[in-house]
C-alpha atoms as a PDB file:
ATOM      1  CA  MET A   1      69.979  15.623 153.045  1.00  0.00           C
ATOM      2  CA  GLU A   2      71.216  18.471 155.207  1.00  0.00           C
ATOM      3  CA  SER A   3      69.030  21.533 155.631  1.00  0.00           C
ATOM      4  CA  ARG A   4      69.786  25.143 156.445  1.00  0.00           C
ATOM      5  CA  SER A   5      67.986  28.316 157.416  1.00  0.00           C
ATOM      6  CA  LEU A   6      67.768  30.622 154.395  1.00  0.00           C
ATOM      7  CA  GLY A   7      69.098  33.863 155.800  1.00  0.00           C
ATOM      8  CA  LYS A   8      66.540  35.898 157.712  1.00  0.00           C
ATOM      9  CA  THR A   9      63.548  34.386 155.889  1.00  0.00           C
ATOM     10  CA  GLY A  10      62.863  31.680 158.469  1.00  0.00           C
ATOM     11  CA  LEU A  11      62.589  29.130 155.647  1.00  0.00           C
ATOM     12  CA  THR A  12      64.377  25.823 156.174  1.00  0.00           C
ATOM     13  CA  VAL A  13      65.656  24.584 152.834  1.00  0.00           C
ATOM     14  CA  SER A  14      67.651  21.608 151.642  1.00  0.00           C
ATOM     15  CA  THR A  15      71.356  22.205 151.073  1.00  0.00           C
ATOM     16  CA  LEU A  16      70.866  21.178 147.452  1.00  0.00           C
ATOM     17  CA  GLY A  17      68.059  22.741 145.477  1.00  0.00           C
ATOM     18  CA  PHE A  18      66.521  21.624 142.221  1.00  0.00           C
ATOM     19  CA  GLY A  19      67.296  23.943 139.314  1.00  0.00           C
ATOM     20  CA  CYS A  20      64.621  23.927 136.624  1.00  0.00           C
ATOM     21  CA  GLY A  21      66.541  25.965 134.062  1.00  0.00           C
ATOM     22  CA  ASN A  22      67.659  25.574 130.497  1.00  0.00           C
ATOM     23  CA  VAL A  23      71.223  24.427 131.242  1.00  0.00           C
ATOM     24  CA  GLY A  24      70.301  20.931 132.420  1.00  0.00           C
ATOM     25  CA  GLY A  25      66.997  21.001 130.632  1.00  0.00           C
ATOM     26  CA  LEU A  26      65.128  18.182 132.381  1.00  0.00           C
ATOM     27  CA  ILE A  27      62.073  20.217 133.326  1.00  0.00           C
ATOM     28  CA  ILE A  28      61.976  21.880 129.899  1.00  0.00           C
ATOM     29  CA  ARG A  29      62.877  19.107 127.460  1.00  0.00           C
ATOM     30  CA  GLY A  30      62.429  15.903 129.444  1.00  0.00           C
ATOM     31  CA  THR A  31      59.385  13.745 128.856  1.00  0.00           C
ATOM     32  CA  PRO A  32      56.509  14.064 131.353  1.00  0.00           C
ATOM     33  CA  ALA A  33      57.511  10.729 132.891  1.00  0.00           C
ATOM     34  CA  GLU A  34      61.158  11.791 133.186  1.00  0.00           C
ATOM     35  CA  ARG A  35      60.205  15.093 134.802  1.00  0.00           C
ATOM     36  CA  GLU A  36      57.946  13.448 137.324  1.00  0.00           C
ATOM     37  CA  ARG A  37      60.453  10.723 138.120  1.00  0.00           C
ATOM     38  CA  GLY A  38      63.284  13.239 138.565  1.00  0.00           C
ATOM     39  CA  VAL A  39      61.311  15.521 140.896  1.00  0.00           C
ATOM     40  CA  ALA A  40      59.938  12.598 142.893  1.00  0.00           C
ATOM     41  CA  ARG A  41      63.438  11.181 143.388  1.00  0.00           C
ATOM     42  CA  ALA A  42      64.785  14.582 144.457  1.00  0.00           C
ATOM     43  CA  MET A  43      61.996  14.931 147.009  1.00  0.00           C
ATOM     44  CA  GLU A  44      62.622  11.404 148.246  1.00  0.00           C
ATOM     45  CA  LEU A  45      66.234  12.414 148.907  1.00  0.00           C
ATOM     46  CA  GLY A  46      65.117  15.486 150.847  1.00  0.00           C
ATOM     47  CA  VAL A  47      65.255  18.290 148.274  1.00  0.00           C
ATOM     48  CA  ASN A  48      62.577  20.856 149.103  1.00  0.00           C
ATOM     49  CA  TYR A  49      63.509  23.959 147.078  1.00  0.00           C
ATOM     50  CA  PHE A  50      62.736  24.269 143.352  1.00  0.00           C
ATOM     51  CA  ASP A  51      63.979  27.238 141.339  1.00  0.00           C
ATOM     52  CA  THR A  52      62.470  28.336 138.036  1.00  0.00           C
ATOM     53  CA  ALA A  53      61.886  31.453 135.897  1.00  0.00           C
ATOM     54  CA  PRO A  54      59.655  32.653 133.041  1.00  0.00           C
ATOM     55  CA  SER A  55      62.689  32.863 130.745  1.00  0.00           C
ATOM     56  CA  TYR A  56      63.497  29.169 131.155  1.00  0.00           C
ATOM     57  CA  GLY A  57      62.038  27.663 128.002  1.00  0.00           C
ATOM     58  CA  ASP A  58      59.748  30.672 127.435  1.00  0.00           C
ATOM     59  CA  GLY A  59      57.521  29.639 130.322  1.00  0.00           C
ATOM     60  CA  GLU A  60      57.791  25.871 129.787  1.00  0.00           C
ATOM     61  CA  SER A  61      59.827  25.386 132.964  1.00  0.00           C
ATOM     62  CA  GLU A  62      57.180  27.007 135.159  1.00  0.00           C
ATOM     63  CA  ARG A  63      54.344  25.244 133.362  1.00  0.00           C
ATOM     64  CA  ASN A  64      55.968  21.804 133.542  1.00  0.00           C
ATOM     65  CA  LEU A  65      57.117  22.235 137.128  1.00  0.00           C
ATOM     66  CA  GLY A  66      53.596  23.198 138.141  1.00  0.00           C
ATOM     67  CA  GLN A  67      52.177  20.081 136.496  1.00  0.00           C
ATOM     68  CA  VAL A  68      54.710  17.840 138.239  1.00  0.00           C
ATOM     69  CA  LEU A  69      54.153  19.381 141.666  1.00  0.00           C
ATOM     70  CA  LYS A  70      50.407  19.024 141.246  1.00  0.00           C
ATOM     71  CA  ALA A  71      50.724  15.380 140.180  1.00  0.00           C
ATOM     72  CA  LEU A  72      52.953  14.597 143.161  1.00  0.00           C
ATOM     73  CA  ARG A  73      50.921  16.756 145.568  1.00  0.00           C
ATOM     74  CA  ALA A  74      54.258  18.196 146.585  1.00  0.00           C
ATOM     75  CA  GLN A  75      54.661  20.466 149.600  1.00  0.00           C
ATOM     76  CA  VAL A  76      57.881  22.252 148.671  1.00  0.00           C
ATOM     77  CA  HIS A  77      59.330  25.751 148.446  1.00  0.00           C
ATOM     78  CA  VAL A  78      59.220  27.342 144.984  1.00  0.00           C
ATOM     79  CA  GLY A  79      61.164  30.335 143.755  1.00  0.00           C
ATOM     80  CA  THR A  80      60.703  32.092 140.441  1.00  0.00           C
ATOM     81  CA  LYS A  81      61.986  35.302 138.892  1.00  0.00           C
ATOM     82  CA  PHE A  82      61.109  38.353 136.819  1.00  0.00           C
ATOM     83  CA  ARG A  83      63.142  40.152 134.206  1.00  0.00           C
ATOM     84  CA  LEU A  84      62.442  43.738 133.161  1.00  0.00           C
ATOM     85  CA  ASP A  85      62.968  44.673 129.507  1.00  0.00           C
ATOM     86  CA  PRO A  86      63.472  48.255 128.276  1.00  0.00           C
ATOM     87  CA  ARG A  87      59.767  48.556 127.440  1.00  0.00           C
ATOM     88  CA  ASP A  88      58.941  47.712 131.083  1.00  0.00           C
ATOM     89  CA  LEU A  89      60.891  50.594 132.577  1.00  0.00           C
ATOM     90  CA  ALA A  90      58.075  53.098 132.056  1.00  0.00           C
ATOM     91  CA  ASP A  91      55.948  51.097 134.492  1.00  0.00           C
ATOM     92  CA  ILE A  92      58.166  48.909 136.658  1.00  0.00           C
ATOM     93  CA  PRO A  93      55.491  48.096 139.301  1.00  0.00           C
ATOM     94  CA  GLY A  94      52.982  47.095 136.644  1.00  0.00           C
ATOM     95  CA  ALA A  95      55.491  44.942 134.776  1.00  0.00           C
ATOM     96  CA  ILE A  96      56.521  43.104 137.936  1.00  0.00           C
ATOM     97  CA  ALA A  97      52.927  42.474 138.987  1.00  0.00           C
ATOM     98  CA  ARG A  98      52.023  41.171 135.523  1.00  0.00           C
ATOM     99  CA  SER A  99      55.045  38.876 135.461  1.00  0.00           C
ATOM    100  CA  LEU A 100      54.099  37.424 138.830  1.00  0.00           C
ATOM    101  CA  ASP A 101      50.486  36.800 137.819  1.00  0.00           C
ATOM    102  CA  GLU A 102      51.629  35.033 134.648  1.00  0.00           C
ATOM    103  CA  SER A 103      54.112  32.908 136.617  1.00  0.00           C
ATOM    104  CA  LEU A 104      51.493  31.924 139.198  1.00  0.00           C
ATOM    105  CA  ARG A 105      49.123  30.946 136.401  1.00  0.00           C
ATOM    106  CA  ARG A 106      51.729  28.735 134.735  1.00  0.00           C
ATOM    107  CA  LEU A 107      52.793  27.191 138.051  1.00  0.00           C
ATOM    108  CA  GLY A 108      49.216  26.659 139.191  1.00  0.00           C
ATOM    109  CA  LEU A 109      50.048  28.281 142.534  1.00  0.00           C
ATOM    110  CA  GLU A 110      48.521  31.106 144.571  1.00  0.00           C
ATOM    111  CA  ARG A 111      51.918  32.282 145.829  1.00  0.00           C
ATOM    112  CA  VAL A 112      55.630  31.653 145.485  1.00  0.00           C
ATOM    113  CA  ASP A 113      58.037  31.532 148.402  1.00  0.00           C
ATOM    114  CA  LEU A 114      60.712  33.545 146.646  1.00  0.00           C
ATOM    115  CA  PHE A 115      60.377  36.184 143.904  1.00  0.00           C
ATOM    116  CA  GLN A 116      63.722  37.229 142.447  1.00  0.00           C
ATOM    117  CA  LEU A 117      64.932  40.000 140.162  1.00  0.00           C
ATOM    118  CA  HIS A 118      66.650  38.402 137.151  1.00  0.00           C
ATOM    119  CA  ASN A 119      68.343  41.543 135.758  1.00  0.00           C
ATOM    120  CA  ARG A 120      71.947  42.520 136.322  1.00  0.00           C
ATOM    121  CA  ILE A 121      72.535  45.435 138.705  1.00  0.00           C
ATOM    122  CA  GLU A 122      74.794  48.171 137.325  1.00  0.00           C
ATOM    123  CA  PRO A 123      75.558  51.832 138.140  1.00  0.00           C
ATOM    124  CA  ALA A 124      73.104  52.846 135.373  1.00  0.00           C
ATOM    125  CA  ARG A 125      70.435  51.258 133.255  1.00  0.00           C
ATOM    126  CA  GLY A 126      71.681  49.376 130.222  1.00  0.00           C
ATOM    127  CA  THR A 127      70.957  46.377 128.055  1.00  0.00           C
ATOM    128  CA  GLY A 128      69.542  43.789 130.425  1.00  0.00           C
ATOM    129  CA  ALA A 129      70.591  45.830 133.457  1.00  0.00           C
ATOM    130  CA  LEU A 130      68.903  47.988 136.078  1.00  0.00           C
ATOM    131  CA  SER A 131      70.489  50.666 138.203  1.00  0.00           C
ATOM    132  CA  LEU A 132      70.836  50.221 141.936  1.00  0.00           C
ATOM    133  CA  GLY A 133      68.362  53.104 142.269  1.00  0.00           C
ATOM    134  CA  ASP A 134      65.832  51.156 140.203  1.00  0.00           C
ATOM    135  CA  VAL A 135      66.254  48.132 142.437  1.00  0.00           C
ATOM    136  CA  LEU A 136      65.995  49.883 145.799  1.00  0.00           C
ATOM    137  CA  GLY A 137      63.565  52.607 144.742  1.00  0.00           C
ATOM    138  CA  GLU A 138      61.056  50.676 142.634  1.00  0.00           C
ATOM    139  CA  VAL A 139      61.700  46.941 142.434  1.00  0.00           C
ATOM    140  CA  VAL A 140      61.935  46.138 146.129  1.00  0.00           C
ATOM    141  CA  PRO A 141      58.947  48.305 147.188  1.00  0.00           C
ATOM    142  CA  THR A 142      56.836  46.657 144.472  1.00  0.00           C
ATOM    143  CA  VAL A 143      57.715  43.157 145.658  1.00  0.00           C
ATOM    144  CA  GLN A 144      56.981  44.202 149.238  1.00  0.00           C
ATOM    145  CA  LYS A 145      53.478  45.247 148.172  1.00  0.00           C
ATOM    146  CA  LEU A 146      53.015  41.868 146.496  1.00  0.00           C
ATOM    147  CA  ARG A 147      54.072  40.257 149.772  1.00  0.00           C
ATOM    148  CA  GLN A 148      51.358  42.201 151.554  1.00  0.00           C
ATOM    149  CA  GLN A 149      48.875  40.777 149.048  1.00  0.00           C
ATOM    150  CA  GLY A 150      49.960  37.267 149.974  1.00  0.00           C
ATOM    151  CA  LYS A 151      51.352  36.405 146.543  1.00  0.00           C
ATOM    152  CA  VAL A 152      55.047  36.400 147.505  1.00  0.00           C
ATOM    153  CA  GLY A 153      56.967  35.124 150.490  1.00  0.00           C
ATOM    154  CA  PHE A 154      60.299  36.927 150.120  1.00  0.00           C
ATOM    155  CA  CYS A 155      62.242  39.204 147.777  1.00  0.00           C
ATOM    156  CA  GLY A 156      65.495  38.143 146.138  1.00  0.00           C
ATOM    157  CA  ILE A 157      68.016  39.307 143.547  1.00  0.00           C
ATOM    158  CA  THR A 158      70.300  37.623 141.086  1.00  0.00           C
ATOM    159  CA  ALA A 159      73.661  38.971 142.218  1.00  0.00           C
ATOM    160  CA  LEU A 160      75.175  39.641 138.826  1.00  0.00           C
ATOM    161  CA  GLY A 161      76.375  42.960 137.536  1.00  0.00           C
ATOM    162  CA  GLU A 162      78.937  45.470 138.789  1.00  0.00           C
ATOM    163  CA  THR A 163      80.574  44.199 141.982  1.00  0.00           C
ATOM    164  CA  THR A 164      80.290  47.427 143.964  1.00  0.00           C
ATOM    165  CA  MET A 165      76.605  47.721 143.113  1.00  0.00           C
ATOM    166  CA  LEU A 166      76.007  44.142 144.269  1.00  0.00           C
ATOM    167  CA  HIS A 167      77.673  44.854 147.615  1.00  0.00           C
ATOM    168  CA  ARG A 168      75.619  48.000 148.042  1.00  0.00           C
ATOM    169  CA  ALA A 169      72.432  46.119 147.232  1.00  0.00           C
ATOM    170  CA  ILE A 170      73.233  43.586 149.941  1.00  0.00           C
ATOM    171  CA  ASP A 171      74.263  46.280 152.418  1.00  0.00           C
ATOM    172  CA  ALA A 172      70.980  48.120 151.957  1.00  0.00           C
ATOM    173  CA  GLY A 173      69.226  45.350 153.889  1.00  0.00           C
ATOM    174  CA  ALA A 174      66.245  45.475 151.541  1.00  0.00           C
ATOM    175  CA  VAL A 175      66.449  42.006 149.990  1.00  0.00           C
ATOM    176  CA  ASP A 176      66.056  38.629 151.634  1.00  0.00           C
ATOM    177  CA  THR A 177      68.099  36.424 149.298  1.00  0.00           C
ATOM    178  CA  ALA A 178      70.742  36.609 146.597  1.00  0.00           C
ATOM    179  CA  GLN A 179      71.715  34.172 143.891  1.00  0.00           C
ATOM    180  CA  VAL A 180      75.513  34.227 143.925  1.00  0.00           C
ATOM    181  CA  CYS A 181      77.854  32.822 141.294  1.00  0.00           C
ATOM    182  CA  TYR A 182      80.429  30.691 143.125  1.00  0.00           C
ATOM    183  CA  ASN A 183      82.460  27.761 141.819  1.00  0.00           C
ATOM    184  CA  LEU A 184      85.982  26.366 141.480  1.00  0.00           C
ATOM    185  CA  LEU A 185      86.589  28.414 138.337  1.00  0.00           C
ATOM    186  CA  ASN A 186      85.531  31.638 140.044  1.00  0.00           C
ATOM    187  CA  PRO A 187      85.588  31.382 143.856  1.00  0.00           C
ATOM    188  CA  SER A 188      85.959  35.157 144.344  1.00  0.00           C
ATOM    189  CA  ALA A 189      82.601  35.487 146.089  1.00  0.00           C
ATOM    190  CA  GLY A 190      84.053  33.372 148.890  1.00  0.00           C
ATOM    191  CA  VAL A 191      87.829  33.830 148.893  1.00  0.00           C
ATOM    192  CA  ALA A 192      90.318  36.493 147.857  1.00  0.00           C
ATOM    193  CA  VAL A 193      91.732  36.078 144.360  1.00  0.00           C
ATOM    194  CA  PRO A 194      95.117  37.372 143.158  1.00  0.00           C
ATOM    195  CA  PRO A 195      95.636  40.474 141.015  1.00  0.00           C
ATOM    196  CA  GLY A 196      95.069  39.717 137.370  1.00  0.00           C
ATOM    197  CA  PHE A 197      92.457  37.059 138.098  1.00  0.00           C
ATOM    198  CA  PRO A 198      90.954  36.284 134.649  1.00  0.00           C
ATOM    199  CA  ALA A 199      87.296  36.724 135.589  1.00  0.00           C
ATOM    200  CA  GLN A 200      85.038  39.051 137.546  1.00  0.00           C
ATOM    201  CA  ASP A 201      86.093  39.550 141.161  1.00  0.00           C
ATOM    202  CA  PHE A 202      82.988  39.423 143.366  1.00  0.00           C
ATOM    203  CA  ASP A 203      85.148  40.540 146.297  1.00  0.00           C
ATOM    204  CA  GLY A 204      83.868  38.273 149.043  1.00  0.00           C
ATOM    205  CA  LEU A 205      80.164  38.746 148.323  1.00  0.00           C
ATOM    206  CA  LEU A 206      79.272  35.639 150.323  1.00  0.00           C
ATOM    207  CA  GLY A 207      80.742  37.152 153.462  1.00  0.00           C
ATOM    208  CA  ARG A 208      78.887  40.378 152.876  1.00  0.00           C
ATOM    209  CA  ALA A 209      75.631  38.441 152.530  1.00  0.00           C
ATOM    210  CA  ARG A 210      76.334  36.542 155.749  1.00  0.00           C
ATOM    211  CA  GLN A 211      76.882  39.806 157.620  1.00  0.00           C
ATOM    212  CA  GLY A 212      73.524  41.091 156.410  1.00  0.00           C
ATOM    213  CA  ARG A 213      71.759  37.752 157.055  1.00  0.00           C
ATOM    214  CA  VAL A 214      70.854  37.608 153.382  1.00  0.00           C
ATOM    215  CA  GLY A 215      70.139  34.041 152.302  1.00  0.00           C
ATOM    216  CA  VAL A 216      72.400  32.773 149.532  1.00  0.00           C
ATOM    217  CA  ILE A 217      71.493  30.469 146.675  1.00  0.00           C
ATOM    218  CA  VAL A 218      74.674  29.462 144.867  1.00  0.00           C
ATOM    219  CA  ILE A 219      74.332  29.400 141.088  1.00  0.00           C
ATOM    220  CA  ARG A 220      76.623  27.870 138.475  1.00  0.00           C
ATOM    221  CA  ALA A 221      78.199  25.604 141.086  1.00  0.00           C
ATOM    222  CA  LEU A 222      79.295  23.317 138.248  1.00  0.00           C
ATOM    223  CA  ALA A 223      79.900  26.215 135.824  1.00  0.00           C
ATOM    224  CA  ALA A 224      76.969  25.005 133.684  1.00  0.00           C
ATOM    225  CA  GLY A 225      78.554  21.565 133.439  1.00  0.00           C
ATOM    226  CA  ALA A 226      82.117  22.617 132.614  1.00  0.00           C
ATOM    227  CA  LEU A 227      83.319  21.347 135.993  1.00  0.00           C
ATOM    228  CA  SER A 228      82.518  17.823 134.880  1.00  0.00           C
ATOM    229  CA  GLY A 229      85.669  18.241 132.794  1.00  0.00           C
ATOM    230  CA  VAL A 230      83.779  17.013 129.725  1.00  0.00           C
ATOM    231  CA  GLU A 231      82.751  19.240 126.830  1.00  0.00           C
ATOM    232  CA  THR A 232      80.053  16.901 125.461  1.00  0.00           C
ATOM    233  CA  ARG A 233      76.606  17.847 126.706  1.00  0.00           C
ATOM    234  CA  HIS A 234      73.659  15.610 127.624  1.00  0.00           C
ATOM    235  CA  PRO A 235      70.977  15.223 124.907  1.00  0.00           C
ATOM    236  CA  ILE A 236      68.350  17.152 126.909  1.00  0.00           C
ATOM    237  CA  ALA A 237      70.769  19.843 128.087  1.00  0.00           C
ATOM    238  CA  VAL A 238      70.954  23.125 126.234  1.00  0.00           C
ATOM    239  CA  PRO A 239      73.315  22.434 123.281  1.00  0.00           C
ATOM    240  CA  SER A 240      75.515  25.474 123.939  1.00  0.00           C
ATOM    241  CA  VAL A 241      75.834  27.594 127.030  1.00  0.00           C
ATOM    242  CA  ASP A 242      77.221  31.027 127.818  1.00  0.00           C
ATOM    243  CA  PRO A 243      79.492  31.079 130.876  1.00  0.00           C
ATOM    244  CA  ILE A 244      78.723  33.465 133.728  1.00  0.00           C
ATOM    245  CA  ALA A 245      81.659  35.262 135.371  1.00  0.00           C
ATOM    246  CA  THR A 246      84.235  32.671 134.279  1.00  0.00           C
ATOM    247  CA  ALA A 247      85.793  32.307 130.802  1.00  0.00           C
ATOM    248  CA  PRO A 248      84.613  33.923 127.567  1.00  0.00           C
ATOM    249  CA  ASP A 249      83.402  30.567 126.245  1.00  0.00           C
ATOM    250  CA  TYR A 250      82.397  27.125 127.499  1.00  0.00           C
ATOM    251  CA  ARG A 251      85.317  25.296 125.874  1.00  0.00           C
ATOM    252  CA  THR A 252      87.789  27.438 127.813  1.00  0.00           C
ATOM    253  CA  ASP A 253      85.902  26.711 131.029  1.00  0.00           C
ATOM    254  CA  VAL A 254      86.174  22.974 130.358  1.00  0.00           C
ATOM    255  CA  SER A 255      89.903  23.268 129.642  1.00  0.00           C
ATOM    256  CA  ARG A 256      90.451  25.124 132.915  1.00  0.00           C
ATOM    257  CA  ALA A 257      88.332  22.571 134.762  1.00  0.00           C
ATOM    258  CA  GLN A 258      90.493  19.746 133.448  1.00  0.00           C
ATOM    259  CA  LEU A 259      93.516  21.390 135.080  1.00  0.00           C
ATOM    260  CA  LEU A 260      91.792  20.805 138.415  1.00  0.00           C
ATOM    261  CA  GLY A 261      91.967  17.045 137.851  1.00  0.00           C
ATOM    262  CA  ALA A 262      94.882  16.994 140.298  1.00  0.00           C
ATOM    263  CA  LEU A 263      92.338  17.299 143.112  1.00  0.00           C
ATOM    264  CA  VAL A 264      90.995  13.892 142.106  1.00  0.00           C
ATOM    265  CA  ARG A 265      94.362  12.286 141.310  1.00  0.00           C
ATOM    266  CA  GLU A 266      95.756  13.358 144.703  1.00  0.00           C
ATOM    267  CA  GLY A 267      92.742  11.914 146.525  1.00  0.00           C
ATOM    268  CA  HIS A 268      91.103  15.132 147.716  1.00  0.00           C
ATOM    269  CA  ALA A 269      87.820  14.243 145.995  1.00  0.00           C
ATOM    270  CA  ALA A 270      86.346  11.285 144.160  1.00  0.00           C
ATOM    271  CA  SER A 271      85.465  13.431 141.139  1.00  0.00           C
ATOM    272  CA  LEU A 272      85.566  17.003 139.910  1.00  0.00           C
ATOM    273  CA  ILE A 273      81.830  17.232 140.547  1.00  0.00           C
ATOM    274  CA  GLU A 274      82.290  16.219 144.180  1.00  0.00           C
ATOM    275  CA  ALA A 275      85.105  18.746 144.532  1.00  0.00           C
ATOM    276  CA  SER A 276      82.836  21.431 143.079  1.00  0.00           C
ATOM    277  CA  LEU A 277      79.998  21.135 145.585  1.00  0.00           C
ATOM    278  CA  PRO A 278      80.177  23.986 148.118  1.00  0.00           C
ATOM    279  CA  GLY A 279      80.934  22.871 151.637  1.00  0.00           C
ATOM    280  CA  ARG A 280      79.833  24.332 154.908  1.00  0.00           C
END
């Protein structure tokens, strides 16, 4: 397993991380033995970063991951998240602190290496979204205080929302990491896309993050499974999934993925999944 430095954090993390979310579902719906076996195998192969969130299985992901890490006596890096609802906006610092304490309790940990905003970032507050002013003026200072208390290693964002706001959030130099959507169906965070591109244009966000030494965690590398080219989902995976920054629905994503089969037929990759994994 290759490893890389995660931006300016000083953390050395495996190139592949272990996602504990609802899409694959292992940590949420797998049996205890399956969860432990899966995490142990990942660690054996060199994976040392595990990513979870309170919203994954209504806390089950954090709870189950904590149990597995305790059973394996694992020394790994753990990242979790916090999402602010409209009722939280009257007291953003308090809501963030409460979310962290609840996450630490479920995980059975005294601190997490990475604490990440899970809301979209838009020009103004909206359903599920915070303004850039909220992020820079309240969210980041709150997480910095939690760092001073020793409960958090670094501050991250989920880089979804309005593209200009995401670039400005990175440029501000206030966050340590960003979860960036980047895959074969929407590579706009890494390369220029033509006019009329049928999805959100992230306008080279990966390059912007590199310039600011912001660590990047790529999300939806397989477009939630669509880049397998198969619509049927695994029994423990979430039965239906909403695409992020690609097509309006999963079936369309799968159809577009199947068009990329030429990469396999022409010998550029052994499978669509191999072709989908980000390179250096």
